[in-house]
N, C-alpha and C. Protein backbone atom coordinates (compact mmCIF):
# COMPACT_ATOMS: atom_id res chain seq x y z
N MET A 1 -28.07 29.41 2.93
CA MET A 1 -27.56 30.41 3.75
C MET A 1 -25.91 30.05 4.14
N THR A 2 -25.28 30.96 4.00
CA THR A 2 -23.74 30.67 4.33
C THR A 2 -23.33 31.75 5.43
N ASN A 3 -22.13 31.20 6.29
CA ASN A 3 -21.67 32.30 7.18
C ASN A 3 -20.22 32.55 6.65
N GLN A 4 -20.29 32.43 5.18
CA GLN A 4 -19.05 32.89 4.87
C GLN A 4 -18.73 34.32 4.97
N ARG A 5 -17.42 34.82 5.01
CA ARG A 5 -17.05 36.16 5.07
C ARG A 5 -15.62 36.38 4.78
N VAL A 6 -15.44 37.51 3.90
CA VAL A 6 -14.05 38.11 3.49
C VAL A 6 -13.42 39.02 4.74
N TYR A 7 -12.36 38.58 4.93
CA TYR A 7 -11.69 39.18 6.14
C TYR A 7 -10.65 39.72 5.48
N ILE A 8 -10.64 41.20 5.58
CA ILE A 8 -9.55 41.98 4.92
C ILE A 8 -8.66 42.46 5.98
N VAL A 9 -7.12 42.35 6.03
CA VAL A 9 -6.35 42.80 6.92
C VAL A 9 -5.17 43.67 6.13
N ASP A 10 -5.33 44.87 6.65
CA ASP A 10 -4.32 45.90 5.62
C ASP A 10 -4.41 47.23 6.65
N ASP A 11 -3.29 47.76 6.66
CA ASP A 11 -2.87 48.94 7.58
C ASP A 11 -3.58 50.20 6.67
N ASP A 12 -3.75 50.10 5.39
CA ASP A 12 -3.87 51.28 4.74
C ASP A 12 -5.60 51.50 4.80
N GLU A 13 -5.91 52.36 5.43
CA GLU A 13 -7.37 52.83 5.52
C GLU A 13 -8.21 52.94 4.41
N ALA A 14 -7.72 53.46 3.49
CA ALA A 14 -8.19 53.81 2.14
C ALA A 14 -8.48 52.55 1.45
N MET A 15 -7.48 51.73 1.49
CA MET A 15 -7.44 50.59 0.82
C MET A 15 -8.50 49.52 1.52
N ARG A 16 -8.73 49.42 2.71
CA ARG A 16 -9.74 48.60 3.23
C ARG A 16 -11.21 49.31 3.02
N ASP A 17 -11.17 50.57 3.21
CA ASP A 17 -12.41 51.07 3.02
C ASP A 17 -13.09 50.70 1.22
N SER A 18 -12.04 50.90 0.45
CA SER A 18 -12.31 50.61 -0.95
C SER A 18 -12.63 49.16 -1.19
N LEU A 19 -12.04 48.40 -0.46
CA LEU A 19 -12.27 47.00 -0.66
C LEU A 19 -13.43 46.33 -0.09
N VAL A 20 -13.70 47.27 1.21
CA VAL A 20 -15.21 46.84 1.82
C VAL A 20 -16.17 47.35 0.90
N TRP A 21 -16.08 48.34 0.30
CA TRP A 21 -17.21 48.86 -0.66
C TRP A 21 -17.53 47.98 -1.77
N LEU A 22 -16.47 47.39 -2.56
CA LEU A 22 -16.32 46.80 -3.64
C LEU A 22 -16.83 45.39 -3.24
N LEU A 23 -16.52 44.82 -2.15
CA LEU A 23 -17.07 43.44 -1.58
C LEU A 23 -18.53 43.24 -1.28
N GLU A 24 -18.64 44.39 -0.72
CA GLU A 24 -20.29 44.49 -0.17
C GLU A 24 -21.30 44.93 -1.29
N SER A 25 -20.67 45.48 -2.00
CA SER A 25 -21.44 45.78 -3.36
C SER A 25 -21.73 44.72 -4.31
N GLN A 26 -21.06 43.33 -4.11
CA GLN A 26 -21.37 42.38 -4.74
C GLN A 26 -22.19 41.34 -3.55
N GLY A 27 -22.46 41.99 -2.63
CA GLY A 27 -23.23 41.32 -1.57
C GLY A 27 -22.62 40.10 -0.77
N LEU A 28 -21.02 40.37 -0.57
CA LEU A 28 -20.52 39.69 0.30
C LEU A 28 -20.34 40.26 1.87
N ALA A 29 -20.17 39.50 2.66
CA ALA A 29 -20.13 39.73 4.07
C ALA A 29 -18.59 40.26 4.48
N VAL A 30 -18.28 41.28 4.90
CA VAL A 30 -16.77 41.65 5.15
C VAL A 30 -16.59 42.12 6.34
N SER A 31 -15.32 41.55 7.10
CA SER A 31 -14.93 42.37 8.10
C SER A 31 -13.54 42.69 7.70
N SER A 32 -13.11 44.04 8.27
CA SER A 32 -11.80 44.67 7.99
C SER A 32 -11.01 44.74 9.22
N TYR A 33 -9.82 44.58 9.38
CA TYR A 33 -8.94 45.09 10.38
C TYR A 33 -7.54 45.78 10.07
N ALA A 34 -7.25 46.60 10.79
CA ALA A 34 -6.05 47.65 10.44
C ALA A 34 -4.76 46.99 10.73
N ALA A 35 -4.58 45.77 11.57
CA ALA A 35 -3.53 45.15 12.00
C ALA A 35 -3.43 43.79 11.94
N ALA A 36 -2.39 42.95 11.76
CA ALA A 36 -2.45 41.71 11.77
C ALA A 36 -2.68 41.12 13.02
N GLU A 37 -2.03 41.77 14.08
CA GLU A 37 -2.36 41.32 15.42
C GLU A 37 -3.75 41.53 15.83
N ASP A 38 -4.71 42.24 15.11
CA ASP A 38 -5.96 42.47 15.39
C ASP A 38 -6.86 41.28 14.87
N PHE A 39 -6.41 40.97 13.97
CA PHE A 39 -7.09 39.89 13.06
C PHE A 39 -6.83 38.33 13.86
N LEU A 40 -5.46 38.39 14.32
CA LEU A 40 -5.26 37.24 15.08
C LEU A 40 -5.75 37.06 16.25
N ALA A 41 -6.09 38.10 17.07
CA ALA A 41 -6.98 38.19 18.36
C ALA A 41 -8.12 37.60 17.86
N ALA A 42 -8.85 38.05 16.57
CA ALA A 42 -10.35 37.77 16.50
C ALA A 42 -10.39 36.34 16.11
N CYS A 43 -9.24 35.72 15.56
CA CYS A 43 -9.40 34.61 14.70
C CYS A 43 -9.97 33.36 15.39
N GLY A 44 -10.92 32.68 15.03
CA GLY A 44 -11.40 31.46 15.57
C GLY A 44 -11.54 30.28 14.59
N GLU A 45 -11.92 29.06 15.26
CA GLU A 45 -12.22 27.93 14.38
C GLU A 45 -13.54 28.07 13.76
N ASP A 46 -14.41 28.92 13.98
CA ASP A 46 -15.79 29.01 13.72
C ASP A 46 -15.80 29.80 12.07
N MET A 47 -14.76 30.59 12.07
CA MET A 47 -14.66 31.49 10.95
C MET A 47 -14.57 30.67 9.76
N ALA A 48 -15.49 31.13 8.61
CA ALA A 48 -15.56 30.49 7.22
C ALA A 48 -15.43 31.57 6.27
N GLY A 49 -14.99 31.46 5.21
CA GLY A 49 -14.52 32.29 4.13
C GLY A 49 -13.33 32.46 3.51
N CYS A 50 -12.58 33.61 3.46
CA CYS A 50 -11.16 33.71 2.99
C CYS A 50 -10.89 34.90 3.65
N ILE A 51 -9.29 35.30 3.44
CA ILE A 51 -8.75 36.27 3.95
C ILE A 51 -8.01 37.03 2.82
N VAL A 52 -8.10 38.33 2.74
CA VAL A 52 -7.22 39.06 1.85
C VAL A 52 -6.20 40.06 2.48
N LEU A 53 -5.12 39.60 2.42
CA LEU A 53 -4.07 40.05 3.51
C LEU A 53 -2.82 40.56 2.76
N ASP A 54 -2.75 42.20 3.12
CA ASP A 54 -1.30 42.84 2.57
C ASP A 54 -0.18 42.25 3.12
N VAL A 55 0.91 42.27 2.31
CA VAL A 55 2.06 41.59 2.75
C VAL A 55 2.79 42.49 3.48
N ARG A 56 2.93 43.66 3.48
CA ARG A 56 3.92 44.43 4.23
C ARG A 56 3.17 45.52 5.03
N MET A 57 3.15 45.36 6.40
CA MET A 57 2.43 46.23 7.42
C MET A 57 3.28 46.22 8.49
N PRO A 58 3.17 47.70 9.31
CA PRO A 58 3.83 47.86 10.39
C PRO A 58 3.58 46.77 11.49
N GLY A 59 4.38 46.53 12.34
CA GLY A 59 4.13 45.45 13.24
C GLY A 59 4.43 44.17 12.62
N MET A 60 3.41 43.38 13.11
CA MET A 60 3.43 41.99 12.34
C MET A 60 3.20 42.12 10.98
N SER A 61 3.69 41.66 9.99
CA SER A 61 3.63 41.49 8.69
C SER A 61 2.64 40.59 8.25
N GLY A 62 2.25 40.65 6.95
CA GLY A 62 1.17 39.73 6.64
C GLY A 62 1.75 38.12 6.60
N LEU A 63 3.14 38.18 6.25
CA LEU A 63 3.83 36.69 6.05
C LEU A 63 3.94 36.15 7.18
N GLU A 64 4.07 36.85 8.34
CA GLU A 64 4.24 36.57 9.84
C GLU A 64 2.88 36.25 10.32
N LEU A 65 1.89 36.98 9.93
CA LEU A 65 0.41 36.30 10.39
C LEU A 65 0.09 35.21 9.63
N TYR A 66 0.47 34.85 8.12
CA TYR A 66 0.19 33.77 7.66
C TYR A 66 0.74 32.74 8.28
N GLU A 67 2.01 32.83 8.76
CA GLU A 67 2.72 31.59 9.28
C GLU A 67 2.02 31.33 10.58
N LYS A 68 1.56 32.25 11.35
CA LYS A 68 0.87 32.11 12.82
C LYS A 68 -0.38 31.27 12.26
N LEU A 69 -0.96 31.77 11.53
CA LEU A 69 -2.34 31.02 10.88
C LEU A 69 -2.02 29.41 10.53
N ASN A 70 -1.02 29.29 9.81
CA ASN A 70 -0.62 28.07 9.51
C ASN A 70 -0.26 27.22 10.70
N ALA A 71 0.44 27.74 11.72
CA ALA A 71 0.78 27.21 13.02
C ALA A 71 -0.72 26.68 13.84
N ARG A 72 -1.48 27.46 13.55
CA ARG A 72 -2.85 27.22 14.25
C ARG A 72 -3.62 26.29 13.47
N ARG A 73 -3.32 25.90 12.22
CA ARG A 73 -3.99 25.13 11.44
C ARG A 73 -5.35 25.76 10.84
N CYS A 74 -5.15 27.30 10.75
CA CYS A 74 -6.33 27.86 10.06
C CYS A 74 -6.53 27.37 8.78
N SER A 75 -7.80 26.95 8.14
CA SER A 75 -7.91 26.41 6.99
C SER A 75 -8.57 27.54 6.01
N LEU A 76 -8.53 28.78 6.30
CA LEU A 76 -9.01 29.87 5.70
C LEU A 76 -8.40 30.19 4.29
N PRO A 77 -8.55 30.08 3.25
CA PRO A 77 -7.81 30.44 2.06
C PRO A 77 -7.40 31.83 2.14
N VAL A 78 -6.15 32.04 1.71
CA VAL A 78 -5.48 33.36 1.74
C VAL A 78 -4.94 34.15 0.60
N ILE A 79 -5.56 35.23 0.15
CA ILE A 79 -5.25 35.96 -0.89
C ILE A 79 -4.22 37.06 -0.63
N PHE A 80 -2.76 37.15 -0.96
CA PHE A 80 -1.91 38.15 -0.42
C PHE A 80 -2.23 39.46 -1.46
N ILE A 81 -2.31 40.87 -1.15
CA ILE A 81 -2.14 42.12 -1.76
C ILE A 81 -0.76 42.54 -1.65
N THR A 82 0.02 42.70 -2.79
CA THR A 82 1.21 43.13 -2.81
C THR A 82 1.60 44.48 -3.52
N GLY A 83 2.62 45.15 -3.02
CA GLY A 83 3.24 46.12 -3.82
C GLY A 83 4.31 45.25 -4.94
N HIS A 84 4.69 45.90 -5.99
CA HIS A 84 5.76 45.22 -6.98
C HIS A 84 6.72 44.89 -6.02
N GLY A 85 7.39 45.41 -5.14
CA GLY A 85 8.61 44.98 -4.59
C GLY A 85 8.64 43.84 -3.61
N ASP A 86 7.15 43.43 -3.33
CA ASP A 86 6.64 42.28 -2.51
C ASP A 86 6.57 41.14 -3.19
N VAL A 87 6.75 41.08 -4.52
CA VAL A 87 6.14 39.85 -5.34
C VAL A 87 7.02 38.59 -4.78
N PRO A 88 8.24 38.89 -4.47
CA PRO A 88 9.01 37.65 -4.15
C PRO A 88 8.48 36.81 -2.83
N MET A 89 8.16 37.81 -1.98
CA MET A 89 7.61 37.45 -0.66
C MET A 89 6.20 36.61 -1.07
N ALA A 90 5.48 37.30 -1.72
CA ALA A 90 4.16 36.51 -2.22
C ALA A 90 4.32 35.19 -2.87
N VAL A 91 5.41 35.15 -3.65
CA VAL A 91 5.86 33.82 -4.12
C VAL A 91 6.03 32.75 -3.16
N SER A 92 7.02 33.23 -2.56
CA SER A 92 7.28 32.56 -1.20
C SER A 92 6.03 31.95 -0.33
N ALA A 93 5.13 32.83 -0.01
CA ALA A 93 3.74 32.45 0.57
C ALA A 93 3.08 31.50 -0.23
N LEU A 94 2.90 31.40 -1.66
CA LEU A 94 2.38 30.75 -2.44
C LEU A 94 2.89 29.26 -2.43
N LYS A 95 4.18 29.24 -2.11
CA LYS A 95 4.92 27.83 -1.79
C LYS A 95 4.69 27.34 -0.49
N LYS A 96 4.23 28.12 0.21
CA LYS A 96 3.84 27.57 1.73
C LYS A 96 2.18 27.49 1.77
N GLY A 97 1.51 27.57 0.67
CA GLY A 97 0.11 27.07 0.68
C GLY A 97 -0.77 28.49 0.53
N ALA A 98 -0.38 29.66 0.55
CA ALA A 98 -1.45 30.61 0.07
C ALA A 98 -1.83 30.51 -1.44
N VAL A 99 -2.95 30.96 -1.54
CA VAL A 99 -4.08 30.67 -2.74
C VAL A 99 -3.34 31.51 -4.01
N ASP A 100 -3.16 32.67 -3.84
CA ASP A 100 -2.67 33.70 -4.88
C ASP A 100 -2.39 35.03 -4.33
N PHE A 101 -1.80 35.79 -5.14
CA PHE A 101 -1.45 37.16 -4.60
C PHE A 101 -1.86 38.18 -6.00
N ILE A 102 -2.39 39.13 -5.41
CA ILE A 102 -2.61 40.44 -6.40
C ILE A 102 -1.90 41.48 -6.54
N GLU A 103 -1.45 42.11 -7.50
CA GLU A 103 -0.35 43.14 -7.21
C GLU A 103 -1.37 44.43 -7.22
N LYS A 104 -0.90 45.47 -6.56
CA LYS A 104 -1.38 46.74 -6.72
C LYS A 104 -0.74 47.47 -7.87
N PRO A 105 -1.46 48.29 -8.29
CA PRO A 105 -2.96 48.47 -8.37
C PRO A 105 -3.62 47.26 -9.25
N PHE A 106 -4.59 46.59 -8.51
CA PHE A 106 -5.18 45.28 -9.10
C PHE A 106 -6.58 45.86 -9.68
N ASN A 107 -7.09 44.79 -10.74
CA ASN A 107 -8.18 44.89 -11.31
C ASN A 107 -9.17 44.19 -10.53
N ASP A 108 -10.34 45.12 -10.21
CA ASP A 108 -11.54 44.68 -9.50
C ASP A 108 -11.86 43.31 -9.75
N LYS A 109 -12.36 43.20 -11.01
CA LYS A 109 -12.97 41.89 -11.51
C LYS A 109 -11.84 40.56 -11.29
N GLU A 110 -10.72 41.01 -11.45
CA GLU A 110 -9.75 39.87 -11.16
C GLU A 110 -9.62 39.58 -9.61
N LEU A 111 -9.83 40.48 -8.88
CA LEU A 111 -9.85 40.17 -7.31
C LEU A 111 -10.92 39.64 -7.05
N LEU A 112 -12.36 39.88 -7.76
CA LEU A 112 -13.60 39.35 -7.30
C LEU A 112 -13.43 37.62 -7.75
N ARG A 113 -12.87 37.59 -9.02
CA ARG A 113 -12.90 36.27 -9.44
C ARG A 113 -12.05 35.31 -8.42
N VAL A 114 -10.82 35.78 -8.09
CA VAL A 114 -10.00 34.93 -7.25
C VAL A 114 -10.60 34.80 -5.87
N ILE A 115 -11.27 35.86 -5.08
CA ILE A 115 -12.25 35.85 -3.95
C ILE A 115 -13.32 34.56 -4.21
N GLY A 116 -13.84 34.68 -5.20
CA GLY A 116 -15.02 33.79 -5.59
C GLY A 116 -14.39 32.32 -5.58
N GLU A 117 -13.39 32.18 -6.06
CA GLU A 117 -12.73 30.75 -6.33
C GLU A 117 -12.29 30.30 -4.78
N CYS A 118 -11.78 31.24 -4.07
CA CYS A 118 -11.19 31.10 -2.81
C CYS A 118 -12.52 30.69 -1.82
N LEU A 119 -13.72 31.15 -1.97
CA LEU A 119 -15.01 30.84 -1.15
C LEU A 119 -15.37 29.67 -1.25
N GLU A 120 -15.40 29.30 -2.81
CA GLU A 120 -15.78 27.91 -3.30
C GLU A 120 -15.11 26.89 -2.84
N ARG A 121 -13.83 27.06 -2.73
CA ARG A 121 -12.66 26.09 -2.33
C ARG A 121 -13.09 25.80 -0.83
N GLU A 122 -13.13 27.01 -0.12
CA GLU A 122 -13.55 26.70 1.47
C GLU A 122 -14.69 26.24 1.77
N ARG A 123 -15.68 26.45 0.92
CA ARG A 123 -17.07 25.65 1.10
C ARG A 123 -16.83 24.11 0.97
N THR A 124 -16.14 23.81 -0.11
CA THR A 124 -15.76 22.56 -0.46
C THR A 124 -15.15 21.78 0.79
N THR A 125 -14.14 22.51 1.13
CA THR A 125 -13.07 21.94 2.17
C THR A 125 -13.99 21.82 3.43
N ARG A 126 -14.63 22.52 3.93
CA ARG A 126 -15.60 22.69 5.11
C ARG A 126 -16.55 21.41 5.03
N ALA A 127 -17.27 21.36 3.96
CA ALA A 127 -18.35 20.14 3.80
C ALA A 127 -17.60 19.09 3.86
N GLN A 128 -16.39 18.80 3.45
CA GLN A 128 -15.70 17.68 3.67
C GLN A 128 -15.29 17.33 4.84
N ARG A 129 -14.97 18.52 5.43
CA ARG A 129 -14.41 17.95 7.10
C ARG A 129 -15.56 17.90 7.91
N LEU A 130 -16.76 18.18 7.29
CA LEU A 130 -17.94 18.10 8.31
C LEU A 130 -18.33 16.67 8.10
N ARG A 131 -18.17 16.01 6.89
CA ARG A 131 -18.65 14.82 6.51
C ARG A 131 -17.62 13.84 7.23
N GLU A 132 -16.20 14.04 7.43
CA GLU A 132 -15.31 13.23 8.04
C GLU A 132 -15.54 13.40 9.39
N GLY A 133 -15.85 14.42 10.06
CA GLY A 133 -16.46 14.51 11.36
C GLY A 133 -17.34 13.52 11.82
N GLU A 134 -18.46 13.58 10.72
CA GLU A 134 -19.63 12.83 11.20
C GLU A 134 -19.39 11.28 10.84
N ALA A 135 -18.37 10.89 10.01
CA ALA A 135 -18.06 9.45 9.58
C ALA A 135 -17.32 9.09 10.89
N GLY A 136 -16.44 9.97 11.63
CA GLY A 136 -15.31 9.39 12.71
C GLY A 136 -16.56 9.36 13.83
N ARG A 137 -17.61 10.12 14.16
CA ARG A 137 -18.35 9.76 15.22
C ARG A 137 -19.30 8.59 14.95
N ARG A 138 -19.54 8.17 13.80
CA ARG A 138 -20.23 6.95 13.35
C ARG A 138 -19.25 5.71 13.60
N LEU A 139 -17.97 6.07 13.35
CA LEU A 139 -17.09 4.76 13.55
C LEU A 139 -16.90 4.50 15.06
N ALA A 140 -16.93 5.67 15.86
CA ALA A 140 -16.72 5.43 17.23
C ALA A 140 -17.90 4.71 17.81
N SER A 141 -18.78 4.82 17.17
CA SER A 141 -20.26 4.02 17.81
C SER A 141 -20.23 2.44 17.63
N LEU A 142 -18.96 1.96 17.00
CA LEU A 142 -19.27 0.58 16.62
C LEU A 142 -18.63 -0.15 17.84
N THR A 143 -18.97 -1.36 17.89
CA THR A 143 -18.53 -2.03 19.09
C THR A 143 -17.25 -2.54 18.58
N GLU A 144 -16.43 -3.46 19.48
CA GLU A 144 -15.15 -3.76 19.27
C GLU A 144 -15.39 -5.07 18.11
N ARG A 145 -16.58 -5.80 18.42
CA ARG A 145 -16.64 -7.03 17.24
C ARG A 145 -17.11 -6.39 15.96
N GLU A 146 -17.98 -5.47 16.15
CA GLU A 146 -18.37 -4.59 14.67
C GLU A 146 -16.90 -4.16 13.86
N ARG A 147 -16.36 -3.60 14.56
CA ARG A 147 -14.95 -2.99 14.20
C ARG A 147 -14.15 -4.22 13.54
N GLU A 148 -14.04 -5.61 14.28
CA GLU A 148 -13.26 -6.35 13.61
C GLU A 148 -13.99 -6.90 12.12
N VAL A 149 -15.21 -6.85 12.25
CA VAL A 149 -15.99 -7.40 11.06
C VAL A 149 -15.81 -6.74 9.93
N MET A 150 -15.98 -5.16 10.11
CA MET A 150 -15.60 -4.32 9.44
C MET A 150 -14.02 -4.26 8.74
N ASP A 151 -13.17 -4.51 9.63
CA ASP A 151 -11.74 -4.31 9.14
C ASP A 151 -11.68 -5.39 8.10
N LEU A 152 -12.24 -6.65 8.21
CA LEU A 152 -12.40 -7.74 7.33
C LEU A 152 -12.97 -7.50 6.10
N VAL A 153 -14.20 -6.85 6.39
CA VAL A 153 -15.11 -6.52 5.18
C VAL A 153 -14.10 -5.41 3.98
N LEU A 154 -13.46 -4.58 4.95
CA LEU A 154 -12.52 -3.41 4.11
C LEU A 154 -11.47 -4.40 3.55
N ALA A 155 -10.97 -5.59 3.94
CA ALA A 155 -10.00 -6.26 3.48
C ALA A 155 -10.39 -6.99 2.43
N GLY A 156 -11.69 -7.06 2.19
CA GLY A 156 -12.28 -8.08 0.97
C GLY A 156 -12.42 -9.16 1.10
N LYS A 157 -12.81 -9.61 2.80
CA LYS A 157 -13.11 -10.89 2.94
C LYS A 157 -14.61 -11.23 2.62
N LEU A 158 -15.02 -12.34 2.38
CA LEU A 158 -16.40 -12.78 2.31
C LEU A 158 -16.82 -13.01 3.60
N ASN A 159 -18.22 -13.23 3.76
CA ASN A 159 -19.08 -13.31 4.94
C ASN A 159 -18.16 -14.84 5.60
N LYS A 160 -18.28 -15.84 5.01
CA LYS A 160 -17.79 -17.07 5.38
C LYS A 160 -16.32 -16.93 5.54
N GLN A 161 -15.71 -16.23 5.09
CA GLN A 161 -14.29 -16.15 5.40
C GLN A 161 -14.20 -15.50 6.61
N ILE A 162 -14.91 -14.43 7.08
CA ILE A 162 -14.92 -13.58 7.95
C ILE A 162 -15.32 -14.54 9.32
N ALA A 163 -16.32 -15.35 8.93
CA ALA A 163 -16.77 -16.27 10.00
C ALA A 163 -15.76 -17.23 10.49
N ASP A 164 -15.02 -17.75 9.60
CA ASP A 164 -13.63 -18.53 9.91
C ASP A 164 -12.68 -17.90 10.52
N VAL A 165 -12.51 -16.59 10.40
CA VAL A 165 -11.49 -15.97 11.17
C VAL A 165 -11.72 -15.80 12.49
N LEU A 166 -12.98 -15.35 12.71
CA LEU A 166 -13.40 -14.76 14.22
C LEU A 166 -14.12 -15.96 14.89
N ASN A 167 -14.25 -17.25 14.17
CA ASN A 167 -14.80 -18.23 14.91
C ASN A 167 -16.17 -18.02 15.30
N ILE A 168 -17.04 -17.51 14.32
CA ILE A 168 -18.52 -17.27 14.53
C ILE A 168 -19.42 -17.45 13.35
N SER A 169 -20.43 -17.69 13.54
CA SER A 169 -21.56 -18.25 12.50
C SER A 169 -21.63 -17.09 11.34
N ILE A 170 -22.06 -17.58 9.98
CA ILE A 170 -22.21 -16.57 8.96
C ILE A 170 -23.48 -15.80 9.19
N LYS A 171 -24.11 -16.45 10.12
CA LYS A 171 -25.58 -15.62 10.32
C LYS A 171 -25.12 -14.57 11.17
N THR A 172 -24.30 -14.73 12.08
CA THR A 172 -23.67 -13.40 13.22
C THR A 172 -22.99 -12.51 12.55
N VAL A 173 -22.23 -13.06 11.50
CA VAL A 173 -21.41 -11.99 10.66
C VAL A 173 -22.49 -11.06 9.76
N GLU A 174 -23.33 -11.83 9.01
CA GLU A 174 -24.65 -10.88 8.65
C GLU A 174 -25.29 -9.73 9.19
N VAL A 175 -25.56 -10.27 10.46
CA VAL A 175 -26.09 -9.51 11.46
C VAL A 175 -25.10 -8.31 11.88
N HIS A 176 -23.86 -8.54 12.03
CA HIS A 176 -22.97 -7.49 12.42
C HIS A 176 -22.62 -6.57 10.97
N ARG A 177 -22.81 -7.20 9.86
CA ARG A 177 -22.49 -6.29 8.88
C ARG A 177 -23.74 -5.54 8.50
N ALA A 178 -24.90 -5.82 8.74
CA ALA A 178 -26.15 -5.04 8.67
C ALA A 178 -26.05 -3.90 9.68
N ARG A 179 -25.53 -4.24 10.87
CA ARG A 179 -25.64 -3.16 11.91
C ARG A 179 -24.50 -2.18 11.65
N ILE A 180 -23.49 -2.74 10.92
CA ILE A 180 -22.22 -1.69 10.73
C ILE A 180 -22.73 -0.66 9.60
N MET A 181 -23.44 -1.26 8.48
CA MET A 181 -23.89 -0.37 7.52
C MET A 181 -24.83 0.71 7.99
N ASP A 182 -25.61 0.11 9.02
CA ASP A 182 -26.64 0.83 9.66
C ASP A 182 -26.00 2.18 10.30
N LYS A 183 -25.10 2.12 11.20
CA LYS A 183 -24.39 2.84 11.88
C LYS A 183 -23.80 3.90 11.31
N MET A 184 -23.02 3.32 10.06
CA MET A 184 -22.33 4.14 9.31
C MET A 184 -22.96 4.86 8.14
N ALA A 185 -24.37 4.70 8.05
CA ALA A 185 -24.94 5.29 7.50
C ALA A 185 -24.59 5.15 5.68
N VAL A 186 -24.51 3.83 5.38
CA VAL A 186 -23.99 3.54 3.93
C VAL A 186 -24.86 2.40 3.63
N ARG A 187 -24.70 2.26 2.02
CA ARG A 187 -25.44 1.15 1.75
C ARG A 187 -24.71 0.24 0.89
N THR A 188 -23.51 0.77 0.39
CA THR A 188 -22.68 -0.38 -0.13
C THR A 188 -21.13 -0.46 0.54
N VAL A 189 -20.58 -1.62 0.15
CA VAL A 189 -19.07 -1.64 0.66
C VAL A 189 -18.25 -0.49 0.15
N ALA A 190 -18.53 -0.03 -1.28
CA ALA A 190 -17.75 1.09 -1.55
C ALA A 190 -17.97 2.16 -0.77
N GLU A 191 -19.00 2.59 -0.51
CA GLU A 191 -19.36 3.79 0.66
C GLU A 191 -18.77 3.70 1.93
N LEU A 192 -18.96 2.51 2.49
CA LEU A 192 -18.32 2.16 3.72
C LEU A 192 -16.66 2.35 3.50
N VAL A 193 -15.99 2.08 2.42
CA VAL A 193 -14.54 2.05 2.57
C VAL A 193 -14.40 3.77 2.23
N GLN A 194 -15.11 4.45 1.64
CA GLN A 194 -15.02 6.02 1.56
C GLN A 194 -15.21 6.61 2.91
N ALA A 195 -16.18 6.11 3.60
CA ALA A 195 -16.60 6.95 4.92
C ALA A 195 -15.53 6.25 6.05
N ALA A 196 -14.93 5.20 6.04
CA ALA A 196 -14.22 4.54 7.02
C ALA A 196 -12.52 4.55 6.86
N MET A 197 -12.08 4.70 5.77
CA MET A 197 -10.74 4.43 5.61
C MET A 197 -9.97 5.90 5.63
N PRO A 198 -10.55 7.08 5.68
CA PRO A 198 -9.57 8.04 6.01
C PRO A 198 -9.25 7.99 7.57
N HIS A 199 -10.24 7.49 8.34
CA HIS A 199 -10.11 7.49 10.06
C HIS A 199 -9.14 6.24 10.08
N ARG A 200 -9.46 5.16 9.54
CA ARG A 200 -8.50 3.99 10.04
C ARG A 200 -6.89 4.45 9.48
N SER A 201 -6.88 5.01 8.46
CA SER A 201 -5.29 5.50 8.14
C SER A 201 -4.76 6.39 9.32
N THR A 202 -5.35 7.27 9.52
CA THR A 202 -5.12 8.25 10.56
C THR A 202 -4.71 7.38 11.92
N LYS A 203 -5.61 6.51 12.45
CA LYS A 203 -5.37 5.65 13.31
C LYS A 203 -4.17 4.68 13.42
N GLN A 204 -4.30 4.04 12.33
CA GLN A 204 -2.90 3.10 11.99
C GLN A 204 -1.56 3.86 12.07
N GLY A 205 -1.58 5.30 11.48
CA GLY A 205 -0.27 6.01 11.56
C GLY A 205 -0.16 6.46 12.76
N ALA A 206 -0.88 6.61 13.50
CA ALA A 206 -0.60 7.18 15.29
C ALA A 206 -0.09 5.84 15.86
N GLU A 207 -0.67 4.56 15.53
CA GLU A 207 -0.34 3.35 16.38
C GLU A 207 1.18 2.95 15.97
N LYS A 208 1.72 3.48 14.74
CA LYS A 208 3.16 3.06 14.40
C LYS A 208 4.18 3.86 15.07
């Protein structure tokens, strides 16, 4: 089961209805909004899927909405729908991180292909964030001594070297290593590196 949904933001009612029909006919969950302001008000961290966004709309434009979503660190991939004259604006959005833009009148198969790629990308990104969040929680469960031992393990130190640095016995190092591996839910040092390094890099960057 997935809670992914395609969010259509377009002031053109006929276009919205057409897109909703097309996507629902492919078994996709869809929500549509007539104004950028409406989507911004509804947007939440629990949203999953992608956004199909018209570039030019009255009131807040698609580009303005995109910039506000970026400021909120919204991770939903964005596909812009553009008229011919809006292509330069869409290209500008691509440089800021948008996934793609589709020119009107667009080919249904091409739109569905791009949406499919966006949904796959979002699934992968969300799964990665969940893994990193779980690793962060596991990391926080380590004691101060376990963190010291782990840091030395990640630095490539052998048990004897760790014992010498921390002035503890090799047996104690072995006990700490076993607890670290258990708490981090990893079996090898390579897995420990993958789980811990992103969080250590973030922490070290914050301490500078």
